[in-house]
PDB file of N, CA and C in Angstrom:
ATOM      1  N   MET A   1     -21.921  69.476  30.458  1.00  0.00           N
ATOM      2  CA  MET A   1     -22.417  68.641  29.559  1.00  0.00           C
ATOM      3  C   MET A   1     -21.350  67.879  28.667  1.00  0.00           C
ATOM      4  N   PRO A   2     -21.116  66.782  28.166  1.00  0.00           N
ATOM      5  CA  PRO A   2     -20.217  66.186  27.427  1.00  0.00           C
ATOM      6  C   PRO A   2     -19.965  66.645  25.988  1.00  0.00           C
ATOM      7  N   ARG A   3     -18.943  66.518  25.474  1.00  0.00           N
ATOM      8  CA  ARG A   3     -19.036  66.997  23.897  1.00  0.00           C
ATOM      9  C   ARG A   3     -19.587  65.909  23.033  1.00  0.00           C
ATOM     10  N   THR A   4     -20.152  66.507  22.045  1.00  0.00           N
ATOM     11  CA  THR A   4     -20.684  65.492  20.887  1.00  0.00           C
ATOM     12  C   THR A   4     -19.424  64.935  20.067  1.00  0.00           C
ATOM     13  N   PRO A   5     -19.686  63.863  19.388  1.00  0.00           N
ATOM     14  CA  PRO A   5     -18.746  63.277  18.493  1.00  0.00           C
ATOM     15  C   PRO A   5     -18.394  64.231  17.385  1.00  0.00           C
ATOM     16  N   ALA A   6     -19.300  65.156  17.148  1.00  0.00           N
ATOM     17  CA  ALA A   6     -19.064  66.332  15.886  1.00  0.00           C
ATOM     18  C   ALA A   6     -18.119  67.206  16.574  1.00  0.00           C
ATOM     19  N   GLU A   7     -18.216  67.639  17.725  1.00  0.00           N
ATOM     20  CA  GLU A   7     -17.352  68.562  18.302  1.00  0.00           C
ATOM     21  C   GLU A   7     -16.033  68.036  18.769  1.00  0.00           C
ATOM     22  N   ASN A   8     -15.939  66.693  19.156  1.00  0.00           N
ATOM     23  CA  ASN A   8     -14.375  65.971  19.023  1.00  0.00           C
ATOM     24  C   ASN A   8     -13.707  66.067  17.926  1.00  0.00           C
ATOM     25  N   ASP A   9     -14.627  65.655  17.035  1.00  0.00           N
ATOM     26  CA  ASP A   9     -13.958  65.621  15.250  1.00  0.00           C
ATOM     27  C   ASP A   9     -13.481  67.060  14.954  1.00  0.00           C
ATOM     28  N   ARG A  10     -14.374  68.074  15.321  1.00  0.00           N
ATOM     29  CA  ARG A  10     -13.784  69.770  14.907  1.00  0.00           C
ATOM     30  C   ARG A  10     -12.703  69.838  15.497  1.00  0.00           C
ATOM     31  N   ILE A  11     -12.761  69.437  16.872  1.00  0.00           N
ATOM     32  CA  ILE A  11     -11.272  69.709  17.707  1.00  0.00           C
ATOM     33  C   ILE A  11     -10.135  69.075  17.218  1.00  0.00           C
ATOM     34  N   ARG A  12     -10.438  67.676  16.784  1.00  0.00           N
ATOM     35  CA  ARG A  12      -9.366  67.105  16.246  1.00  0.00           C
ATOM     36  C   ARG A  12      -8.744  67.450  14.923  1.00  0.00           C
ATOM     37  N   ARG A  13      -9.784  68.052  14.186  1.00  0.00           N
ATOM     38  CA  ARG A  13      -9.180  68.573  12.821  1.00  0.00           C
ATOM     39  C   ARG A  13      -8.583  70.232  13.007  1.00  0.00           C
ATOM     40  N   GLU A  14      -9.068  70.700  14.059  1.00  0.00           N
ATOM     41  CA  GLU A  14      -8.274  72.078  14.366  1.00  0.00           C
ATOM     42  C   GLU A  14      -7.011  71.664  14.865  1.00  0.00           C
ATOM     43  N   THR A  15      -6.983  71.005  15.642  1.00  0.00           N
ATOM     44  CA  THR A  15      -5.405  70.855  16.267  1.00  0.00           C
ATOM     45  C   THR A  15      -4.468  70.226  15.248  1.00  0.00           C
ATOM     46  N   MET A  16      -5.010  69.109  14.452  1.00  0.00           N
ATOM     47  CA  MET A  16      -4.116  68.690  13.404  1.00  0.00           C
ATOM     48  C   MET A  16      -3.870  69.797  12.469  1.00  0.00           C
ATOM     49  N   GLU A  17      -4.542  70.732  12.098  1.00  0.00           N
ATOM     50  CA  GLU A  17      -4.508  71.973  11.377  1.00  0.00           C
ATOM     51  C   GLU A  17      -3.203  72.857  11.869  1.00  0.00           C
ATOM     52  N   ARG A  18      -3.504  73.045  13.095  1.00  0.00           N
ATOM     53  CA  ARG A  18      -2.592  73.786  14.006  1.00  0.00           C
ATOM     54  C   ARG A  18      -1.121  73.360  13.895  1.00  0.00           C
ATOM     55  N   ILE A  19      -1.068  71.897  14.075  1.00  0.00           N
ATOM     56  CA  ILE A  19       0.185  71.385  14.141  1.00  0.00           C
ATOM     57  C   ILE A  19       0.944  71.564  12.813  1.00  0.00           C
ATOM     58  N   LEU A  20      -0.030  71.389  11.595  1.00  0.00           N
ATOM     59  CA  LEU A  20       0.621  71.313  10.364  1.00  0.00           C
ATOM     60  C   LEU A  20       1.123  72.622   9.826  1.00  0.00           C
ATOM     61  N   ALA A  21       0.193  73.645  10.246  1.00  0.00           N
ATOM     62  CA  ALA A  21       0.558  75.292   9.904  1.00  0.00           C
ATOM     63  C   ALA A  21       1.709  75.700  10.724  1.00  0.00           C
ATOM     64  N   THR A  22       1.741  75.176  11.879  1.00  0.00           N
ATOM     65  CA  THR A  22       2.918  75.347  12.813  1.00  0.00           C
ATOM     66  C   THR A  22       4.367  74.989  12.063  1.00  0.00           C
ATOM     67  N   SER A  23       4.351  73.717  11.798  1.00  0.00           N
ATOM     68  CA  SER A  23       5.350  72.883  11.203  1.00  0.00           C
ATOM     69  C   SER A  23       5.800  73.601  10.079  1.00  0.00           C
ATOM     70  N   LEU A  24       5.032  73.797   9.272  1.00  0.00           N
ATOM     71  CA  LEU A  24       5.406  74.454   7.817  1.00  0.00           C
ATOM     72  C   LEU A  24       6.216  75.688   8.037  1.00  0.00           C
ATOM     73  N   ARG A  25       5.487  76.522   9.095  1.00  0.00           N
ATOM     74  CA  ARG A  25       6.101  77.955   9.292  1.00  0.00           C
ATOM     75  C   ARG A  25       7.614  77.873   9.791  1.00  0.00           C
ATOM     76  N   LEU A  26       7.740  76.835  10.881  1.00  0.00           N
ATOM     77  CA  LEU A  26       8.979  76.549  11.547  1.00  0.00           C
ATOM     78  C   LEU A  26       9.871  75.996  10.618  1.00  0.00           C
ATOM     79  N   PHE A  27       9.459  75.086   9.597  1.00  0.00           N
ATOM     80  CA  PHE A  27      10.527  74.526   8.716  1.00  0.00           C
ATOM     81  C   PHE A  27      10.862  75.421   7.721  1.00  0.00           C
ATOM     82  N   CYS A  28      10.021  76.439   7.496  1.00  0.00           N
ATOM     83  CA  CYS A  28      10.529  77.666   6.471  1.00  0.00           C
ATOM     84  C   CYS A  28      11.521  78.438   7.037  1.00  0.00           C
ATOM     85  N   GLU A  29      11.215  78.779   8.447  1.00  0.00           N
ATOM     86  CA  GLU A  29      11.994  79.779   9.356  1.00  0.00           C
ATOM     87  C   GLU A  29      13.272  79.228   9.485  1.00  0.00           C
ATOM     88  N   LYS A  30      13.274  78.107  10.143  1.00  0.00           N
ATOM     89  CA  LYS A  30      14.564  77.669  10.699  1.00  0.00           C
ATOM     90  C   LYS A  30      15.170  76.519   9.943  1.00  0.00           C
ATOM     91  N   GLY A  31      14.446  75.876   9.447  1.00  0.00           N
ATOM     92  CA  GLY A  31      14.948  74.404   8.308  1.00  0.00           C
ATOM     93  C   GLY A  31      14.190  73.280   9.225  1.00  0.00           C
ATOM     94  N   TYR A  32      14.332  72.200   8.558  1.00  0.00           N
ATOM     95  CA  TYR A  32      13.763  70.967   8.814  1.00  0.00           C
ATOM     96  C   TYR A  32      14.746  70.532  10.129  1.00  0.00           C
ATOM     97  N   TYR A  33      15.918  70.585   9.580  1.00  0.00           N
ATOM     98  CA  TYR A  33      16.740  69.935  10.742  1.00  0.00           C
ATOM     99  C   TYR A  33      16.980  70.538  12.255  1.00  0.00           C
ATOM    100  N   ALA A  34      16.784  71.994  11.885  1.00  0.00           N
ATOM    101  CA  ALA A  34      16.795  73.036  13.167  1.00  0.00           C
ATOM    102  C   ALA A  34      15.581  72.808  13.863  1.00  0.00           C
ATOM    103  N   THR A  35      14.498  72.433  13.305  1.00  0.00           N
ATOM    104  CA  THR A  35      13.280  72.249  14.236  1.00  0.00           C
ATOM    105  C   THR A  35      13.077  71.134  15.089  1.00  0.00           C
ATOM    106  N   SER A  36      12.749  71.317  16.152  1.00  0.00           N
ATOM    107  CA  SER A  36      12.518  70.083  17.014  1.00  0.00           C
ATOM    108  C   SER A  36      10.944  69.914  17.170  1.00  0.00           C
ATOM    109  N   ILE A  37      10.503  68.848  17.558  1.00  0.00           N
ATOM    110  CA  ILE A  37       9.021  68.242  18.133  1.00  0.00           C
ATOM    111  C   ILE A  37       8.720  69.303  19.216  1.00  0.00           C
ATOM    112  N   GLU A  38       9.725  69.525  19.885  1.00  0.00           N
ATOM    113  CA  GLU A  38       9.467  70.521  21.261  1.00  0.00           C
ATOM    114  C   GLU A  38       9.137  71.965  20.541  1.00  0.00           C
ATOM    115  N   ASP A  39       9.825  72.583  19.735  1.00  0.00           N
ATOM    116  CA  ASP A  39       9.430  73.640  18.944  1.00  0.00           C
ATOM    117  C   ASP A  39       8.277  73.881  18.218  1.00  0.00           C
ATOM    118  N   ILE A  40       7.813  72.538  17.690  1.00  0.00           N
ATOM    119  CA  ILE A  40       6.604  72.639  17.122  1.00  0.00           C
ATOM    120  C   ILE A  40       5.270  72.605  18.183  1.00  0.00           C
ATOM    121  N   ALA A  41       5.607  71.864  19.174  1.00  0.00           N
ATOM    122  CA  ALA A  41       4.617  71.780  20.219  1.00  0.00           C
ATOM    123  C   ALA A  41       4.261  73.123  20.840  1.00  0.00           C
ATOM    124  N   LYS A  42       5.460  73.614  21.075  1.00  0.00           N
ATOM    125  CA  LYS A  42       5.392  74.985  21.969  1.00  0.00           C
ATOM    126  C   LYS A  42       4.730  76.062  21.075  1.00  0.00           C
ATOM    127  N   GLN A  43       5.229  76.166  19.963  1.00  0.00           N
ATOM    128  CA  GLN A  43       4.641  77.123  19.007  1.00  0.00           C
ATOM    129  C   GLN A  43       3.170  76.730  18.793  1.00  0.00           C
ATOM    130  N   ALA A  44       2.537  75.568  18.520  1.00  0.00           N
ATOM    131  CA  ALA A  44       1.383  75.251  18.512  1.00  0.00           C
ATOM    132  C   ALA A  44       0.321  75.322  19.715  1.00  0.00           C
ATOM    133  N   GLN A  45       0.994  75.561  20.889  1.00  0.00           N
ATOM    134  CA  GLN A  45       0.529  75.784  22.211  1.00  0.00           C
ATOM    135  C   GLN A  45      -0.234  74.525  22.636  1.00  0.00           C
ATOM    136  N   ILE A  46       0.613  73.091  22.382  1.00  0.00           N
ATOM    137  CA  ILE A  46       0.064  71.896  22.770  1.00  0.00           C
ATOM    138  C   ILE A  46       1.282  71.203  23.426  1.00  0.00           C
ATOM    139  N   SER A  47       0.792  70.023  24.222  1.00  0.00           N
ATOM    140  CA  SER A  47       2.040  69.235  24.784  1.00  0.00           C
ATOM    141  C   SER A  47       2.670  68.648  23.544  1.00  0.00           C
ATOM    142  N   LYS A  48       4.038  68.157  24.063  1.00  0.00           N
ATOM    143  CA  LYS A  48       4.643  67.236  23.085  1.00  0.00           C
ATOM    144  C   LYS A  48       3.597  65.861  23.056  1.00  0.00           C
ATOM    145  N   GLY A  49       3.346  65.451  24.280  1.00  0.00           N
ATOM    146  CA  GLY A  49       2.431  63.986  24.386  1.00  0.00           C
ATOM    147  C   GLY A  49       1.168  64.317  23.146  1.00  0.00           C
ATOM    148  N   LEU A  50       0.703  65.411  23.308  1.00  0.00           N
ATOM    149  CA  LEU A  50      -0.527  65.404  22.324  1.00  0.00           C
ATOM    150  C   LEU A  50      -0.072  65.409  20.950  1.00  0.00           C
ATOM    151  N   LEU A  51       1.054  66.005  20.413  1.00  0.00           N
ATOM    152  CA  LEU A  51       1.623  66.159  19.321  1.00  0.00           C
ATOM    153  C   LEU A  51       1.890  64.698  18.730  1.00  0.00           C
ATOM    154  N   TYR A  52       2.693  63.897  19.712  1.00  0.00           N
ATOM    155  CA  TYR A  52       2.854  62.342  19.501  1.00  0.00           C
ATOM    156  C   TYR A  52       1.680  61.620  19.027  1.00  0.00           C
ATOM    157  N   HIS A  53       0.464  62.179  19.680  1.00  0.00           N
ATOM    158  CA  HIS A  53      -0.878  61.491  19.474  1.00  0.00           C
ATOM    159  C   HIS A  53      -1.311  61.492  18.011  1.00  0.00           C
ATOM    160  N   TYR A  54      -0.799  62.627  17.441  1.00  0.00           N
ATOM    161  CA  TYR A  54      -1.190  62.812  15.983  1.00  0.00           C
ATOM    162  C   TYR A  54      -0.187  62.397  15.169  1.00  0.00           C
ATOM    163  N   PHE A  55       1.136  62.513  15.280  1.00  0.00           N
ATOM    164  CA  PHE A  55       2.303  62.105  14.643  1.00  0.00           C
ATOM    165  C   PHE A  55       3.353  61.291  15.537  1.00  0.00           C
ATOM    166  N   ARG A  56       3.833  60.345  14.840  1.00  0.00           N
ATOM    167  CA  ARG A  56       4.778  59.363  15.564  1.00  0.00           C
ATOM    168  C   ARG A  56       6.255  59.951  15.628  1.00  0.00           C
ATOM    169  N   SER A  57       6.440  61.050  14.580  1.00  0.00           N
ATOM    170  CA  SER A  57       7.738  61.569  14.579  1.00  0.00           C
ATOM    171  C   SER A  57       7.796  62.885  13.633  1.00  0.00           C
ATOM    172  N   LYS A  58       8.823  63.743  13.716  1.00  0.00           N
ATOM    173  CA  LYS A  58       8.926  64.888  12.786  1.00  0.00           C
ATOM    174  C   LYS A  58       8.927  64.468  11.477  1.00  0.00           C
ATOM    175  N   GLU A  59       9.519  63.286  10.998  1.00  0.00           N
ATOM    176  CA  GLU A  59       9.472  62.915   9.783  1.00  0.00           C
ATOM    177  C   GLU A  59       7.927  62.746   9.250  1.00  0.00           C
ATOM    178  N   GLU A  60       7.175  61.932  10.069  1.00  0.00           N
ATOM    179  CA  GLU A  60       5.750  61.976   9.720  1.00  0.00           C
ATOM    180  C   GLU A  60       5.083  63.297   9.680  1.00  0.00           C
ATOM    181  N   VAL A  61       5.366  64.215  10.180  1.00  0.00           N
ATOM    182  CA  VAL A  61       4.931  65.400  10.306  1.00  0.00           C
ATOM    183  C   VAL A  61       5.200  66.182   8.483  1.00  0.00           C
ATOM    184  N   LEU A  62       6.432  66.042   8.343  1.00  0.00           N
ATOM    185  CA  LEU A  62       6.948  66.227   6.951  1.00  0.00           C
ATOM    186  C   LEU A  62       6.262  65.610   6.076  1.00  0.00           C
ATOM    187  N   SER A  63       6.018  64.479   6.073  1.00  0.00           N
ATOM    188  CA  SER A  63       5.589  63.696   5.150  1.00  0.00           C
ATOM    189  C   SER A  63       3.886  63.915   5.002  1.00  0.00           C
ATOM    190  N   ALA A  64       3.237  64.306   6.087  1.00  0.00           N
ATOM    191  CA  ALA A  64       1.894  64.788   5.914  1.00  0.00           C
ATOM    192  C   ALA A  64       1.977  66.038   4.957  1.00  0.00           C
ATOM    193  N   LEU A  65       2.687  66.970   5.382  1.00  0.00           N
ATOM    194  CA  LEU A  65       2.730  68.280   4.594  1.00  0.00           C
ATOM    195  C   LEU A  65       3.037  68.174   3.196  1.00  0.00           C
ATOM    196  N   VAL A  66       4.032  67.065   2.789  1.00  0.00           N
ATOM    197  CA  VAL A  66       4.330  66.717   1.419  1.00  0.00           C
ATOM    198  C   VAL A  66       3.065  66.280   0.808  1.00  0.00           C
ATOM    199  N   ASP A  67       2.273  65.339   1.405  1.00  0.00           N
ATOM    200  CA  ASP A  67       1.225  64.602   0.713  1.00  0.00           C
ATOM    201  C   ASP A  67       0.299  65.718   0.695  1.00  0.00           C
ATOM    202  N   ARG A  68      -0.073  66.752   1.423  1.00  0.00           N
ATOM    203  CA  ARG A  68      -0.819  67.778   1.302  1.00  0.00           C
ATOM    204  C   ARG A  68      -0.675  68.401   0.074  1.00  0.00           C
ATOM    205  N   ARG A  69       0.739  68.719  -0.379  1.00  0.00           N
ATOM    206  CA  ARG A  69       0.988  69.347  -1.236  1.00  0.00           C
ATOM    207  C   ARG A  69       0.736  68.845  -2.474  1.00  0.00           C
ATOM    208  N   ILE A  70       1.194  67.572  -2.616  1.00  0.00           N
ATOM    209  CA  ILE A  70       0.978  66.689  -3.684  1.00  0.00           C
ATOM    210  C   ILE A  70      -0.571  66.553  -4.139  1.00  0.00           C
ATOM    211  N   ASP A  71      -1.481  66.534  -3.225  1.00  0.00           N
ATOM    212  CA  ASP A  71      -2.775  66.798  -3.304  1.00  0.00           C
ATOM    213  C   ASP A  71      -3.315  67.913  -4.022  1.00  0.00           C
ATOM    214  N   ASP A  72      -2.772  69.047  -3.543  1.00  0.00           N
ATOM    215  CA  ASP A  72      -3.137  70.397  -3.919  1.00  0.00           C
ATOM    216  C   ASP A  72      -2.491  70.357  -5.438  1.00  0.00           C
ATOM    217  N   VAL A  73      -1.366  69.946  -5.787  1.00  0.00           N
ATOM    218  CA  VAL A  73      -1.103  69.922  -7.286  1.00  0.00           C
ATOM    219  C   VAL A  73      -1.780  69.031  -8.251  1.00  0.00           C
ATOM    220  N   LEU A  74      -2.110  67.770  -7.746  1.00  0.00           N
ATOM    221  CA  LEU A  74      -3.141  66.966  -8.553  1.00  0.00           C
ATOM    222  C   LEU A  74      -4.399  67.538  -8.623  1.00  0.00           C
ATOM    223  N   VAL A  75      -4.838  68.391  -7.725  1.00  0.00           N
ATOM    224  CA  VAL A  75      -6.404  68.890  -7.968  1.00  0.00           C
ATOM    225  C   VAL A  75      -6.155  70.065  -8.993  1.00  0.00           C
ATOM    226  N   VAL A  76      -5.099  70.761  -9.018  1.00  0.00           N
ATOM    227  CA  VAL A  76      -4.958  71.931  -9.915  1.00  0.00           C
ATOM    228  C   VAL A  76      -4.888  71.175 -11.299  1.00  0.00           C
ATOM    229  N   MET A  77      -4.148  70.177 -11.343  1.00  0.00           N
ATOM    230  CA  MET A  77      -3.812  69.679 -12.722  1.00  0.00           C
ATOM    231  C   MET A  77      -4.907  68.537 -12.870  1.00  0.00           C
ATOM    232  N   LYS A  78      -6.156  68.211 -12.085  1.00  0.00           N
ATOM    233  CA  LYS A  78      -7.194  67.421 -12.348  1.00  0.00           C
ATOM    234  C   LYS A  78      -6.874  66.081 -12.736  1.00  0.00           C
ATOM    235  N   ILE A  79      -5.912  65.405 -11.711  1.00  0.00           N
ATOM    236  CA  ILE A  79      -5.506  64.211 -11.906  1.00  0.00           C
ATOM    237  C   ILE A  79      -5.884  63.332 -10.452  1.00  0.00           C
ATOM    238  N   PRO A  80      -6.563  62.411 -10.593  1.00  0.00           N
ATOM    239  CA  PRO A  80      -6.852  61.502  -9.624  1.00  0.00           C
ATOM    240  C   PRO A  80      -5.886  60.987  -8.932  1.00  0.00           C
ATOM    241  N   ARG A  81      -5.756  60.860  -7.475  1.00  0.00           N
ATOM    242  CA  ARG A  81      -4.636  60.573  -6.796  1.00  0.00           C
ATOM    243  C   ARG A  81      -4.875  58.933  -6.685  1.00  0.00           C
ATOM    244  N   SER A  82      -3.958  58.004  -6.992  1.00  0.00           N
ATOM    245  CA  SER A  82      -3.870  56.649  -7.084  1.00  0.00           C
ATOM    246  C   SER A  82      -3.400  56.340  -5.877  1.00  0.00           C
TER     247      SER A  82
END
């Protein structure tokens, strides 16, 4: 039976979360410059090609992590993001 659009969306969200969580952990453990896309993909248990489907570069991964933290701070401060 084919997956439903809702199931595909759930899988995409879970994969994105796994990539970001793995990246954050590796950046903290090894440092940003010492962490490669291959390291992230291997630890997230996905292929490098799939990682590149979600992010064009390691810089884009870092940018997503920073944006997420900014959003968290804005929520705590009750400031709308513009």
